[in-house]
PDB file of N, CA and C in Angstrom:
ATOM      1  N   MET A   1      58.420  15.419-169.591  1.00  0.00           N
ATOM      2  CA  MET A   1      57.980  14.984-170.904  1.00  0.00           C
ATOM      3  C   MET A   1      56.716  15.703-171.345  1.00  0.00           C
ATOM      4  N   SER A   2      55.788  15.919-170.418  1.00  0.00           N
ATOM      5  CA  SER A   2      54.561  16.608-170.814  1.00  0.00           C
ATOM      6  C   SER A   2      54.838  18.040-171.277  1.00  0.00           C
ATOM      7  N   VAL A   3      55.928  18.626-170.785  1.00  0.00           N
ATOM      8  CA  VAL A   3      56.302  19.967-171.259  1.00  0.00           C
ATOM      9  C   VAL A   3      56.691  19.898-172.730  1.00  0.00           C
ATOM     10  N   LEU A   4      57.399  18.856-173.120  1.00  0.00           N
ATOM     11  CA  LEU A   4      57.779  18.699-174.531  1.00  0.00           C
ATOM     12  C   LEU A   4      56.550  18.481-175.410  1.00  0.00           C
ATOM     13  N   ILE A   5      55.607  17.708-174.929  1.00  0.00           N
ATOM     14  CA  ILE A   5      54.369  17.493-175.689  1.00  0.00           C
ATOM     15  C   ILE A   5      53.613  18.805-175.811  1.00  0.00           C
ATOM     16  N   ARG A   6      53.538  19.547-174.713  1.00  0.00           N
ATOM     17  CA  ARG A   6      52.846  20.833-174.745  1.00  0.00           C
ATOM     18  C   ARG A   6      53.517  21.779-175.738  1.00  0.00           C
ATOM     19  N   LEU A   7      54.842  21.804-175.774  1.00  0.00           N
ATOM     20  CA  LEU A   7      55.551  22.673-176.723  1.00  0.00           C
ATOM     21  C   LEU A   7      55.324  22.218-178.165  1.00  0.00           C
ATOM     22  N   ALA A   8      55.200  20.913-178.367  1.00  0.00           N
ATOM     23  CA  ALA A   8      54.898  20.408-179.707  1.00  0.00           C
ATOM     24  C   ALA A   8      53.485  20.822-180.125  1.00  0.00           C
ATOM     25  N   ILE A   9      52.551  20.811-179.177  1.00  0.00           N
ATOM     26  CA  ILE A   9      51.189  21.289-179.467  1.00  0.00           C
ATOM     27  C   ILE A   9      51.231  22.767-179.838  1.00  0.00           C
ATOM     28  N   VAL A  10      52.003  23.539-179.092  1.00  0.00           N
ATOM     29  CA  VAL A  10      52.161  24.969-179.390  1.00  0.00           C
ATOM     30  C   VAL A  10      52.689  25.147-180.812  1.00  0.00           C
ATOM     31  N   ALA A  11      53.706  24.367-181.171  1.00  0.00           N
ATOM     32  CA  ALA A  11      54.315  24.489-182.499  1.00  0.00           C
ATOM     33  C   ALA A  11      53.325  24.140-183.606  1.00  0.00           C
ATOM     34  N   THR A  12      52.564  23.063-183.418  1.00  0.00           N
ATOM     35  CA  THR A  12      51.610  22.673-184.465  1.00  0.00           C
ATOM     36  C   THR A  12      50.466  23.672-184.584  1.00  0.00           C
ATOM     37  N   LEU A  13      50.023  24.178-183.458  1.00  0.00           N
ATOM     38  CA  LEU A  13      48.944  25.164-183.476  1.00  0.00           C
ATOM     39  C   LEU A  13      49.417  26.477-184.108  1.00  0.00           C
ATOM     40  N   ALA A  14      50.630  26.883-183.783  1.00  0.00           N
ATOM     41  CA  ALA A  14      51.187  28.092-184.392  1.00  0.00           C
ATOM     42  C   ALA A  14      51.378  27.911-185.900  1.00  0.00           C
ATOM     43  N   GLU A  15      51.755  26.713-186.311  1.00  0.00           N
ATOM     44  CA  GLU A  15      51.942  26.442-187.740  1.00  0.00           C
ATOM     45  C   GLU A  15      50.630  26.568-188.505  1.00  0.00           C
ATOM     46  N   THR A  16      49.575  25.980-187.976  1.00  0.00           N
ATOM     47  CA  THR A  16      48.293  26.090-188.673  1.00  0.00           C
ATOM     48  C   THR A  16      47.798  27.542-188.673  1.00  0.00           C
ATOM     49  N   GLY A  17      48.061  28.261-187.594  1.00  0.00           N
ATOM     50  CA  GLY A  17      47.708  29.678-187.564  1.00  0.00           C
ATOM     51  C   GLY A  17      48.492  30.470-188.598  1.00  0.00           C
ATOM     52  N   PHE A  18      49.781  30.161-188.704  1.00  0.00           N
ATOM     53  CA  PHE A  18      50.633  30.839-189.683  1.00  0.00           C
ATOM     54  C   PHE A  18      50.158  30.579-191.107  1.00  0.00           C
ATOM     55  N   VAL A  19      49.849  29.324-191.406  1.00  0.00           N
ATOM     56  CA  VAL A  19      49.393  28.981-192.761  1.00  0.00           C
ATOM     57  C   VAL A  19      48.095  29.710-193.091  1.00  0.00           C
ATOM     58  N   HIS A  20      47.161  29.729-192.150  1.00  0.00           N
ATOM     59  CA  HIS A  20      45.900  30.415-192.419  1.00  0.00           C
ATOM     60  C   HIS A  20      46.084  31.933-192.559  1.00  0.00           C
ATOM     61  N   ALA A  21      46.965  32.512-191.753  1.00  0.00           N
ATOM     62  CA  ALA A  21      47.255  33.942-191.892  1.00  0.00           C
ATOM     63  C   ALA A  21      47.911  34.233-193.242  1.00  0.00           C
ATOM     64  N   LYS A  22      48.839  33.378-193.639  1.00  0.00           N
ATOM     65  CA  LYS A  22      49.526  33.543-194.930  1.00  0.00           C
ATOM     66  C   LYS A  22      48.535  33.454-196.088  1.00  0.00           C
ATOM     67  N   LEU A  23      47.644  32.467-196.026  1.00  0.00           N
ATOM     68  CA  LEU A  23      46.650  32.327-197.091  1.00  0.00           C
ATOM     69  C   LEU A  23      45.664  33.490-197.091  1.00  0.00           C
ATOM     70  N   TYR A  24      45.302  33.963-195.908  1.00  0.00           N
ATOM     71  CA  TYR A  24      44.420  35.122-195.809  1.00  0.00           C
ATOM     72  C   TYR A  24      45.052  36.319-196.524  1.00  0.00           C
ATOM     73  N   LEU A  25      46.308  36.594-196.198  1.00  0.00           N
ATOM     74  CA  LEU A  25      46.998  37.731-196.821  1.00  0.00           C
ATOM     75  C   LEU A  25      47.287  37.501-198.297  1.00  0.00           C
ATOM     76  N   GLY A  26      47.410  36.220-198.673  1.00  0.00           N
ATOM     77  CA  GLY A  26      47.737  35.886-200.054  1.00  0.00           C
ATOM     78  C   GLY A  26      46.550  35.876-201.001  1.00  0.00           C
ATOM     79  N   GLY A  27      45.380  36.256-200.546  1.00  0.00           N
ATOM     80  CA  GLY A  27      44.252  36.352-201.451  1.00  0.00           C
ATOM     81  C   GLY A  27      42.928  35.864-200.900  1.00  0.00           C
ATOM     82  N   TYR A  28      42.953  35.058-199.857  1.00  0.00           N
ATOM     83  CA  TYR A  28      41.696  34.545-199.308  1.00  0.00           C
ATOM     84  C   TYR A  28      40.874  35.635-198.636  1.00  0.00           C
ATOM     85  N   ARG A  29      41.498  36.753-198.304  1.00  0.00           N
ATOM     86  CA  ARG A  29      40.768  37.821-197.610  1.00  0.00           C
ATOM     87  C   ARG A  29      39.650  38.406-198.454  1.00  0.00           C
ATOM     88  N   VAL A  30      39.729  38.246-199.775  1.00  0.00           N
ATOM     89  CA  VAL A  30      38.690  38.803-200.638  1.00  0.00           C
ATOM     90  C   VAL A  30      37.525  37.848-200.860  1.00  0.00           C
ATOM     91  N   ILE A  31      37.630  36.626-200.346  1.00  0.00           N
ATOM     92  CA  ILE A  31      36.560  35.641-200.513  1.00  0.00           C
ATOM     93  C   ILE A  31      35.540  35.853-199.386  1.00  0.00           C
ATOM     94  N   PRO A  32      34.311  36.188-199.749  1.00  0.00           N
ATOM     95  CA  PRO A  32      33.300  36.424-198.715  1.00  0.00           C
ATOM     96  C   PRO A  32      33.163  35.220-197.772  1.00  0.00           C
ATOM     97  N   TYR A  33      33.022  35.503-196.515  1.00  0.00           N
ATOM     98  CA  TYR A  33      32.878  34.530-195.425  1.00  0.00           C
ATOM     99  C   TYR A  33      34.154  33.712-195.179  1.00  0.00           C
ATOM    100  N   ILE A  34      34.791  33.243-196.229  1.00  0.00           N
ATOM    101  CA  ILE A  34      35.979  32.396-196.088  1.00  0.00           C
ATOM    102  C   ILE A  34      37.145  33.208-195.550  1.00  0.00           C
ATOM    103  N   GLY A  35      37.369  34.389-196.099  1.00  0.00           N
ATOM    104  CA  GLY A  35      38.465  35.243-195.645  1.00  0.00           C
ATOM    105  C   GLY A  35      38.404  35.520-194.152  1.00  0.00           C
ATOM    106  N   PRO A  36      37.274  36.013-193.645  1.00  0.00           N
ATOM    107  CA  PRO A  36      37.186  36.249-192.198  1.00  0.00           C
ATOM    108  C   PRO A  36      37.364  34.975-191.358  1.00  0.00           C
ATOM    109  N   MET A  37      36.904  33.827-191.871  1.00  0.00           N
ATOM    110  CA  MET A  37      37.092  32.575-191.123  1.00  0.00           C
ATOM    111  C   MET A  37      38.569  32.192-191.064  1.00  0.00           C
ATOM    112  N   PHE A  38      39.317  32.436-192.136  1.00  0.00           N
ATOM    113  CA  PHE A  38      40.752  32.173-192.130  1.00  0.00           C
ATOM    114  C   PHE A  38      41.449  33.086-191.123  1.00  0.00           C
ATOM    115  N   LEU A  39      41.049  34.335-191.093  1.00  0.00           N
ATOM    116  CA  LEU A  39      41.645  35.281-190.150  1.00  0.00           C
ATOM    117  C   LEU A  39      41.310  34.907-188.713  1.00  0.00           C
ATOM    118  N   LEU A  40      40.073  34.512-188.461  1.00  0.00           N
ATOM    119  CA  LEU A  40      39.664  34.087-187.124  1.00  0.00           C
ATOM    120  C   LEU A  40      40.427  32.835-186.694  1.00  0.00           C
ATOM    121  N   GLN A  41      40.562  31.879-187.603  1.00  0.00           N
ATOM    122  CA  GLN A  41      41.287  30.655-187.271  1.00  0.00           C
ATOM    123  C   GLN A  41      42.734  30.969-186.925  1.00  0.00           C
ATOM    124  N   ALA A  42      43.359  31.847-187.688  1.00  0.00           N
ATOM    125  CA  ALA A  42      44.754  32.232-187.418  1.00  0.00           C
ATOM    126  C   ALA A  42      44.865  32.916-186.058  1.00  0.00           C
ATOM    127  N   ALA A  43      43.966  33.833-185.777  1.00  0.00           N
ATOM    128  CA  ALA A  43      44.008  34.570-184.511  1.00  0.00           C
ATOM    129  C   ALA A  43      43.811  33.651-183.316  1.00  0.00           C
ATOM    130  N   VAL A  44      42.823  32.771-183.392  1.00  0.00           N
ATOM    131  CA  VAL A  44      42.560  31.841-182.289  1.00  0.00           C
ATOM    132  C   VAL A  44      43.746  30.901-182.101  1.00  0.00           C
ATOM    133  N   SER A  45      44.284  30.379-183.192  1.00  0.00           N
ATOM    134  CA  SER A  45      45.430  29.464-183.091  1.00  0.00           C
ATOM    135  C   SER A  45      46.633  30.136-182.450  1.00  0.00           C
ATOM    136  N   PHE A  46      46.940  31.348-182.879  1.00  0.00           N
ATOM    137  CA  PHE A  46      48.077  32.076-182.292  1.00  0.00           C
ATOM    138  C   PHE A  46      47.836  32.381-180.816  1.00  0.00           C
ATOM    139  N   ALA A  47      46.635  32.816-180.468  1.00  0.00           N
ATOM    140  CA  ALA A  47      46.333  33.175-179.085  1.00  0.00           C
ATOM    141  C   ALA A  47      46.415  31.956-178.170  1.00  0.00           C
ATOM    142  N   VAL A  48      45.804  30.849-178.582  1.00  0.00           N
ATOM    143  CA  VAL A  48      45.826  29.642-177.753  1.00  0.00           C
ATOM    144  C   VAL A  48      47.249  29.095-177.661  1.00  0.00           C
ATOM    145  N   ALA A  49      47.988  29.121-178.756  1.00  0.00           N
ATOM    146  CA  ALA A  49      49.384  28.656-178.723  1.00  0.00           C
ATOM    147  C   ALA A  49      50.207  29.488-177.742  1.00  0.00           C
ATOM    148  N   ALA A  50      50.001  30.794-177.764  1.00  0.00           N
ATOM    149  CA  ALA A  50      50.749  31.667-176.841  1.00  0.00           C
ATOM    150  C   ALA A  50      50.399  31.353-175.387  1.00  0.00           C
ATOM    151  N   LEU A  51      49.138  31.131-175.104  1.00  0.00           N
ATOM    152  CA  LEU A  51      48.728  30.813-173.731  1.00  0.00           C
ATOM    153  C   LEU A  51      49.239  29.444-173.288  1.00  0.00           C
ATOM    154  N   LEU A  52      49.288  28.497-174.223  1.00  0.00           N
ATOM    155  CA  LEU A  52      49.782  27.158-173.895  1.00  0.00           C
ATOM    156  C   LEU A  52      51.272  27.143-173.563  1.00  0.00           C
ATOM    157  N   LEU A  53      51.976  28.185-173.936  1.00  0.00           N
ATOM    158  CA  LEU A  53      53.392  28.268-173.560  1.00  0.00           C
ATOM    159  C   LEU A  53      53.560  28.295-172.043  1.00  0.00           C
ATOM    160  N   PHE A  54      52.572  28.822-171.350  1.00  0.00           N
ATOM    161  CA  PHE A  54      52.682  29.012-169.902  1.00  0.00           C
ATOM    162  C   PHE A  54      52.006  27.921-169.082  1.00  0.00           C
ATOM    163  N   ALA A  55      50.936  27.363-169.594  1.00  0.00           N
ATOM    164  CA  ALA A  55      50.215  26.321-168.866  1.00  0.00           C
ATOM    165  C   ALA A  55      49.285  25.605-169.836  1.00  0.00           C
ATOM    166  N   ALA A  56      48.791  24.441-169.407  1.00  0.00           N
ATOM    167  CA  ALA A  56      47.904  23.662-170.269  1.00  0.00           C
ATOM    168  C   ALA A  56      46.665  23.198-169.522  1.00  0.00           C
ATOM    169  N   PRO A  57      45.872  24.142-168.983  1.00  0.00           N
ATOM    170  CA  PRO A  57      44.646  23.712-168.328  1.00  0.00           C
ATOM    171  C   PRO A  57      43.684  23.100-169.356  1.00  0.00           C
ATOM    172  N   VAL A  58      42.717  22.395-168.856  1.00  0.00           N
ATOM    173  CA  VAL A  58      41.772  21.684-169.722  1.00  0.00           C
ATOM    174  C   VAL A  58      41.117  22.622-170.735  1.00  0.00           C
ATOM    175  N   VAL A  59      40.744  23.807-170.318  1.00  0.00           N
ATOM    176  CA  VAL A  59      40.057  24.725-171.227  1.00  0.00           C
ATOM    177  C   VAL A  59      40.952  25.100-172.419  1.00  0.00           C
ATOM    178  N   LEU A  60      42.238  25.292-172.195  1.00  0.00           N
ATOM    179  CA  LEU A  60      43.135  25.619-173.313  1.00  0.00           C
ATOM    180  C   LEU A  60      43.344  24.417-174.231  1.00  0.00           C
ATOM    181  N   ARG A  61      43.420  23.235-173.641  1.00  0.00           N
ATOM    182  CA  ARG A  61      43.554  22.035-174.474  1.00  0.00           C
ATOM    183  C   ARG A  61      42.299  21.827-175.320  1.00  0.00           C
ATOM    184  N   LEU A  62      41.136  22.111-174.738  1.00  0.00           N
ATOM    185  CA  LEU A  62      39.889  22.014-175.506  1.00  0.00           C
ATOM    186  C   LEU A  62      39.845  23.055-176.624  1.00  0.00           C
ATOM    187  N   LEU A  63      40.288  24.268-176.332  1.00  0.00           N
ATOM    188  CA  LEU A  63      40.331  25.303-177.374  1.00  0.00           C
ATOM    189  C   LEU A  63      41.304  24.925-178.486  1.00  0.00           C
ATOM    190  N   ALA A  64      42.451  24.374-178.120  1.00  0.00           N
ATOM    191  CA  ALA A  64      43.439  23.946-179.121  1.00  0.00           C
ATOM    192  C   ALA A  64      42.852  22.839-179.992  1.00  0.00           C
ATOM    193  N   ALA A  65      42.209  21.864-179.354  1.00  0.00           N
ATOM    194  CA  ALA A  65      41.591  20.774-180.109  1.00  0.00           C
ATOM    195  C   ALA A  65      40.466  21.305-180.999  1.00  0.00           C
ATOM    196  N   GLY A  66      39.687  22.237-180.478  1.00  0.00           N
ATOM    197  CA  GLY A  66      38.610  22.827-181.271  1.00  0.00           C
ATOM    198  C   GLY A  66      39.118  23.598-182.477  1.00  0.00           C
ATOM    199  N   ALA A  67      40.193  24.349-182.288  1.00  0.00           N
ATOM    200  CA  ALA A  67      40.768  25.105-183.412  1.00  0.00           C
ATOM    201  C   ALA A  67      41.293  24.166-184.486  1.00  0.00           C
ATOM    202  N   ALA A  68      42.011  23.121-184.070  1.00  0.00           N
ATOM    203  CA  ALA A  68      42.562  22.169-185.036  1.00  0.00           C
ATOM    204  C   ALA A  68      41.451  21.378-185.717  1.00  0.00           C
ATOM    205  N   ALA A  69      40.500  20.876-184.933  1.00  0.00           N
ATOM    206  CA  ALA A  69      39.403  20.092-185.508  1.00  0.00           C
ATOM    207  C   ALA A  69      38.523  20.954-186.403  1.00  0.00           C
ATOM    208  N   GLY A  70      38.285  22.195-185.999  1.00  0.00           N
ATOM    209  CA  GLY A  70      37.477  23.099-186.817  1.00  0.00           C
ATOM    210  C   GLY A  70      38.124  23.386-188.159  1.00  0.00           C
ATOM    211  N   ALA A  71      39.430  23.586-188.147  1.00  0.00           N
ATOM    212  CA  ALA A  71      40.152  23.832-189.401  1.00  0.00           C
ATOM    213  C   ALA A  71      40.101  22.595-190.299  1.00  0.00           C
ATOM    214  N   LEU A  72      40.273  21.417-189.703  1.00  0.00           N
ATOM    215  CA  LEU A  72      40.186  20.175-190.488  1.00  0.00           C
ATOM    216  C   LEU A  72      38.788  19.984-191.060  1.00  0.00           C
ATOM    217  N   PHE A  73      37.782  20.274-190.247  1.00  0.00           N
ATOM    218  CA  PHE A  73      36.401  20.148-190.699  1.00  0.00           C
ATOM    219  C   PHE A  73      36.133  21.093-191.874  1.00  0.00           C
ATOM    220  N   GLY A  74      36.603  22.324-191.761  1.00  0.00           N
ATOM    221  CA  GLY A  74      36.450  23.280-192.852  1.00  0.00           C
ATOM    222  C   GLY A  74      37.167  22.826-194.111  1.00  0.00           C
ATOM    223  N   PHE A  75      38.353  22.237-193.934  1.00  0.00           N
ATOM    224  CA  PHE A  75      39.113  21.725-195.074  1.00  0.00           C
ATOM    225  C   PHE A  75      38.319  20.631-195.782  1.00  0.00           C
ATOM    226  N   VAL A  76      37.805  19.678-195.013  1.00  0.00           N
ATOM    227  CA  VAL A  76      37.033  18.575-195.600  1.00  0.00           C
ATOM    228  C   VAL A  76      35.788  19.113-196.304  1.00  0.00           C
ATOM    229  N   LEU A  77      35.083  20.026-195.659  1.00  0.00           N
ATOM    230  CA  LEU A  77      33.896  20.609-196.293  1.00  0.00           C
ATOM    231  C   LEU A  77      34.239  21.322-197.593  1.00  0.00           C
ATOM    232  N   SER A  78      35.353  22.062-197.599  1.00  0.00           N
ATOM    233  CA  SER A  78      35.724  22.816-198.799  1.00  0.00           C
ATOM    234  C   SER A  78      36.114  21.906-199.961  1.00  0.00           C
ATOM    235  N   ARG A  79      36.467  20.662-199.645  1.00  0.00           N
ATOM    236  CA  ARG A  79      36.836  19.692-200.687  1.00  0.00           C
ATOM    237  C   ARG A  79      35.678  18.789-201.072  1.00  0.00           C
ATOM    238  N   THR A  80      34.579  18.857-200.351  1.00  0.00           N
ATOM    239  CA  THR A  80      33.445  17.978-200.642  1.00  0.00           C
ATOM    240  C   THR A  80      32.218  18.796-201.033  1.00  0.00           C
ATOM    241  N   VAL A  81      31.457  19.246-200.066  1.00  0.00           N
ATOM    242  CA  VAL A  81      30.197  19.942-200.357  1.00  0.00           C
ATOM    243  C   VAL A  81      30.360  21.450-200.505  1.00  0.00           C
ATOM    244  N   GLY A  82      31.509  21.969-200.082  1.00  0.00           N
ATOM    245  CA  GLY A  82      31.754  23.403-200.160  1.00  0.00           C
ATOM    246  C   GLY A  82      31.354  24.125-198.884  1.00  0.00           C
ATOM    247  N   VAL A  83      31.885  25.310-198.733  1.00  0.00           N
ATOM    248  CA  VAL A  83      31.601  26.165-197.580  1.00  0.00           C
ATOM    249  C   VAL A  83      31.151  27.513-198.131  1.00  0.00           C
ATOM    250  N   PHE A  84      29.875  27.840-197.931  1.00  0.00           N
ATOM    251  CA  PHE A  84      29.316  29.092-198.455  1.00  0.00           C
ATOM    252  C   PHE A  84      29.611  29.253-199.947  1.00  0.00           C
ATOM    253  N   GLY A  85      29.503  28.142-200.689  1.00  0.00           N
ATOM    254  CA  GLY A  85      29.731  28.168-202.128  1.00  0.00           C
ATOM    255  C   GLY A  85      31.190  28.097-202.543  1.00  0.00           C
ATOM    256  N   PHE A  86      32.098  28.035-201.595  1.00  0.00           N
ATOM    257  CA  PHE A  86      33.531  27.978-201.886  1.00  0.00           C
ATOM    258  C   PHE A  86      33.996  26.523-201.870  1.00  0.00           C
ATOM    259  N   THR A  87      34.636  26.089-202.967  1.00  0.00           N
ATOM    260  CA  THR A  87      35.192  24.735-203.032  1.00  0.00           C
ATOM    261  C   THR A  87      36.605  24.788-203.603  1.00  0.00           C
ATOM    262  N   GLU A  88      37.380  23.798-203.201  1.00  0.00           N
ATOM    263  CA  GLU A  88      38.726  23.618-203.749  1.00  0.00           C
ATOM    264  C   GLU A  88      38.920  22.139-204.005  1.00  0.00           C
ATOM    265  N   ARG A  89      40.011  21.817-204.670  1.00  0.00           N
ATOM    266  CA  ARG A  89      40.305  20.417-204.982  1.00  0.00           C
ATOM    267  C   ARG A  89      41.657  20.023-204.409  1.00  0.00           C
ATOM    268  N   GLY A  90      41.746  18.782-203.955  1.00  0.00           N
ATOM    269  CA  GLY A  90      43.013  18.224-203.509  1.00  0.00           C
ATOM    270  C   GLY A  90      43.659  19.027-202.395  1.00  0.00           C
ATOM    271  N   PHE A  91      44.968  19.167-202.489  1.00  0.00           N
ATOM    272  CA  PHE A  91      45.722  19.899-201.476  1.00  0.00           C
ATOM    273  C   PHE A  91      46.196  21.248-202.012  1.00  0.00           C
ATOM    274  N   ASP A  92      45.401  21.853-202.894  1.00  0.00           N
ATOM    275  CA  ASP A  92      45.703  23.212-203.351  1.00  0.00           C
ATOM    276  C   ASP A  92      45.166  24.188-202.331  1.00  0.00           C
ATOM    277  N   PRO A  93      45.820  25.257-202.016  1.00  0.00           N
ATOM    278  CA  PRO A  93      47.124  25.665-202.547  1.00  0.00           C
ATOM    279  C   PRO A  93      48.261  24.864-201.908  1.00  0.00           C
ATOM    280  N   ALA A  94      49.078  24.329-202.762  1.00  0.00           N
ATOM    281  CA  ALA A  94      50.221  23.520-202.306  1.00  0.00           C
ATOM    282  C   ALA A  94      51.388  24.441-201.985  1.00  0.00           C
ATOM    283  N   PRO A  95      52.201  24.155-201.021  1.00  0.00           N
ATOM    284  CA  PRO A  95      52.123  23.065-200.049  1.00  0.00           C
ATOM    285  C   PRO A  95      51.354  23.468-198.787  1.00  0.00           C
ATOM    286  N   ASP A  96      50.792  24.662-198.773  1.00  0.00           N
ATOM    287  CA  ASP A  96      50.158  25.186-197.555  1.00  0.00           C
ATOM    288  C   ASP A  96      49.029  24.307-197.035  1.00  0.00           C
ATOM    289  N   ALA A  97      48.179  23.827-197.922  1.00  0.00           N
ATOM    290  CA  ALA A  97      47.046  23.014-197.476  1.00  0.00           C
ATOM    291  C   ALA A  97      47.539  21.737-196.804  1.00  0.00           C
ATOM    292  N   LEU A  98      48.506  21.071-197.395  1.00  0.00           N
ATOM    293  CA  LEU A  98      49.043  19.841-196.814  1.00  0.00           C
ATOM    294  C   LEU A  98      49.723  20.109-195.473  1.00  0.00           C
ATOM    295  N   LEU A  99      50.511  21.176-195.399  1.00  0.00           N
ATOM    296  CA  LEU A  99      51.183  21.520-194.140  1.00  0.00           C
ATOM    297  C   LEU A  99      50.169  21.800-193.037  1.00  0.00           C
ATOM    298  N   SER A 100      49.105  22.506-193.378  1.00  0.00           N
ATOM    299  CA  SER A 100      48.079  22.816-192.394  1.00  0.00           C
ATOM    300  C   SER A 100      47.382  21.555-191.911  1.00  0.00           C
ATOM    301  N   VAL A 101      47.002  20.685-192.822  1.00  0.00           N
ATOM    302  CA  VAL A 101      46.329  19.440-192.450  1.00  0.00           C
ATOM    303  C   VAL A 101      47.237  18.585-191.563  1.00  0.00           C
ATOM    304  N   LEU A 102      48.497  18.456-191.934  1.00  0.00           N
ATOM    305  CA  LEU A 102      49.429  17.667-191.124  1.00  0.00           C
ATOM    306  C   LEU A 102      49.594  18.263-189.726  1.00  0.00           C
ATOM    307  N   ALA A 103      49.707  19.581-189.647  1.00  0.00           N
ATOM    308  CA  ALA A 103      49.859  20.245-188.346  1.00  0.00           C
ATOM    309  C   ALA A 103      48.610  20.045-187.490  1.00  0.00           C
ATOM    310  N   GLU A 104      47.437  20.134-188.091  1.00  0.00           N
ATOM    311  CA  GLU A 104      46.192  19.980-187.330  1.00  0.00           C
ATOM    312  C   GLU A 104      46.007  18.550-186.825  1.00  0.00           C
ATOM    313  N   VAL A 105      46.308  17.573-187.689  1.00  0.00           N
ATOM    314  CA  VAL A 105      46.212  16.168-187.276  1.00  0.00           C
ATOM    315  C   VAL A 105      47.211  15.882-186.160  1.00  0.00           C
ATOM    316  N   LEU A 106      48.438  16.355-186.313  1.00  0.00           N
ATOM    317  CA  LEU A 106      49.457  16.145-185.287  1.00  0.00           C
ATOM    318  C   LEU A 106      49.073  16.830-183.980  1.00  0.00           C
ATOM    319  N   CYS A 107      48.511  18.014-184.073  1.00  0.00           N
ATOM    320  CA  CYS A 107      48.055  18.736-182.882  1.00  0.00           C
ATOM    321  C   CYS A 107      47.016  17.912-182.131  1.00  0.00           C
ATOM    322  N   LEU A 108      46.040  17.371-182.834  1.00  0.00           N
ATOM    323  CA  LEU A 108      45.008  16.557-182.198  1.00  0.00           C
ATOM    324  C   LEU A 108      45.595  15.284-181.586  1.00  0.00           C
ATOM    325  N   LEU A 109      46.528  14.651-182.287  1.00  0.00           N
ATOM    326  CA  LEU A 109      47.173  13.453-181.743  1.00  0.00           C
ATOM    327  C   LEU A 109      47.952  13.769-180.474  1.00  0.00           C
ATOM    328  N   LEU A 110      48.679  14.868-180.479  1.00  0.00           N
ATOM    329  CA  LEU A 110      49.461  15.258-179.308  1.00  0.00           C
ATOM    330  C   LEU A 110      48.571  15.602-178.112  1.00  0.00           C
ATOM    331  N   ILE A 111      47.466  16.259-178.368  1.00  0.00           N
ATOM    332  CA  ILE A 111      46.520  16.555-177.288  1.00  0.00           C
ATOM    333  C   ILE A 111      45.979  15.248-176.719  1.00  0.00           C
ATOM    334  N   GLY A 112      45.696  14.298-177.588  1.00  0.00           N
ATOM    335  CA  GLY A 112      45.245  12.982-177.135  1.00  0.00           C
ATOM    336  C   GLY A 112      46.290  12.287-176.278  1.00  0.00           C
ATOM    337  N   VAL A 113      47.543  12.347-176.700  1.00  0.00           N
ATOM    338  CA  VAL A 113      48.634  11.753-175.921  1.00  0.00           C
ATOM    339  C   VAL A 113      48.728  12.411-174.550  1.00  0.00           C
ATOM    340  N   LEU A 114      48.628  13.723-174.513  1.00  0.00           N
ATOM    341  CA  LEU A 114      48.696  14.440-173.241  1.00  0.00           C
ATOM    342  C   LEU A 114      47.562  14.018-172.311  1.00  0.00           C
ATOM    343  N   TRP A 115      46.350  13.866-172.840  1.00  0.00           N
ATOM    344  CA  TRP A 115      45.213  13.443-172.024  1.00  0.00           C
ATOM    345  C   TRP A 115      45.378  12.013-171.529  1.00  0.00           C
ATOM    346  N   VAL A 116      45.842  11.121-172.390  1.00  0.00           N
ATOM    347  CA  VAL A 116      46.043   9.728-171.977  1.00  0.00           C
ATOM    348  C   VAL A 116      47.080   9.653-170.866  1.00  0.00           C
ATOM    349  N   ARG A 117      48.175  10.401-171.019  1.00  0.00           N
ATOM    350  CA  ARG A 117      49.210  10.412-169.974  1.00  0.00           C
ATOM    351  C   ARG A 117      48.642  10.937-168.656  1.00  0.00           C
ATOM    352  N   GLU A 118      47.806  11.958-168.740  1.00  0.00           N
ATOM    353  CA  GLU A 118      47.208  12.524-167.530  1.00  0.00           C
ATOM    354  C   GLU A 118      46.263  11.524-166.863  1.00  0.00           C
ATOM    355  N   ILE A 119      45.467  10.830-167.635  1.00  0.00           N
ATOM    356  CA  ILE A 119      44.543   9.828-167.092  1.00  0.00           C
ATOM    357  C   ILE A 119      45.319   8.693-166.433  1.00  0.00           C
ATOM    358  N   ARG A 120      46.366   8.235-167.092  1.00  0.00           N
ATOM    359  CA  ARG A 120      47.180   7.156-166.512  1.00  0.00           C
ATOM    360  C   ARG A 120      47.863   7.586-165.223  1.00  0.00           C
ATOM    361  N   ARG A 121      48.283   8.830-165.158  1.00  0.00           N
ATOM    362  CA  ARG A 121      48.948   9.337-163.971  1.00  0.00           C
ATOM    363  C   ARG A 121      47.975   9.417-162.789  1.00  0.00           C
ATOM    364  N   ARG A 122      46.713   9.692-163.061  1.00  0.00           N
ATOM    365  CA  ARG A 122      45.698   9.818-162.009  1.00  0.00           C
ATOM    366  C   ARG A 122      45.142   8.473-161.554  1.00  0.00           C
ATOM    367  N   ARG A 123      45.334   7.442-162.358  1.00  0.00           N
ATOM    368  CA  ARG A 123      44.792   6.132-162.040  1.00  0.00           C
ATOM    369  C   ARG A 123      45.515   5.574-160.801  1.00  0.00           C
ATOM    370  N   PRO A 124      44.753   5.077-159.851  1.00  0.00           N
ATOM    371  CA  PRO A 124      45.398   4.531-158.641  1.00  0.00           C
ATOM    372  C   PRO A 124      46.189   3.269-158.971  1.00  0.00           C
ATOM    373  N   ALA A 125      47.314   3.118-158.287  1.00  0.00           N
ATOM    374  CA  ALA A 125      48.162   1.938-158.486  1.00  0.00           C
ATOM    375  C   ALA A 125      47.494   0.715-157.872  1.00  0.00           C
ATOM    376  N   LEU A 126      47.640  -0.398-158.539  1.00  0.00           N
ATOM    377  CA  LEU A 126      47.055  -1.654-158.034  1.00  0.00           C
ATOM    378  C   LEU A 126      48.056  -2.450-157.246  1.00  0.00           C
TER     379      LEU A 126
END
């Protein structure tokens, strides 16, 4: 079962990487600071997803959680106070923004499930 959860984490991480790469190529690359951050997020997401295909050590799970949480944090900032003067509203560009947010939230939830299962498995039987 943990293999299925790990593959679901890979899928969600790859999805958020794909969305950020697509948006980067679709015009975000010309936005100062934001374009390179989109490219970095896509690269990190793809790299960690590829490594998670083979194993899920703690460091990779932390990197996956960091990539997903960082993207969500950037999304929230861009809709509230802005990031380096860049702001957007709602879930534009649709549907990419919504798909990315859903993938990142699901990725974090799945990582949490994997950790809880691991903790329960290590707990001594009473």
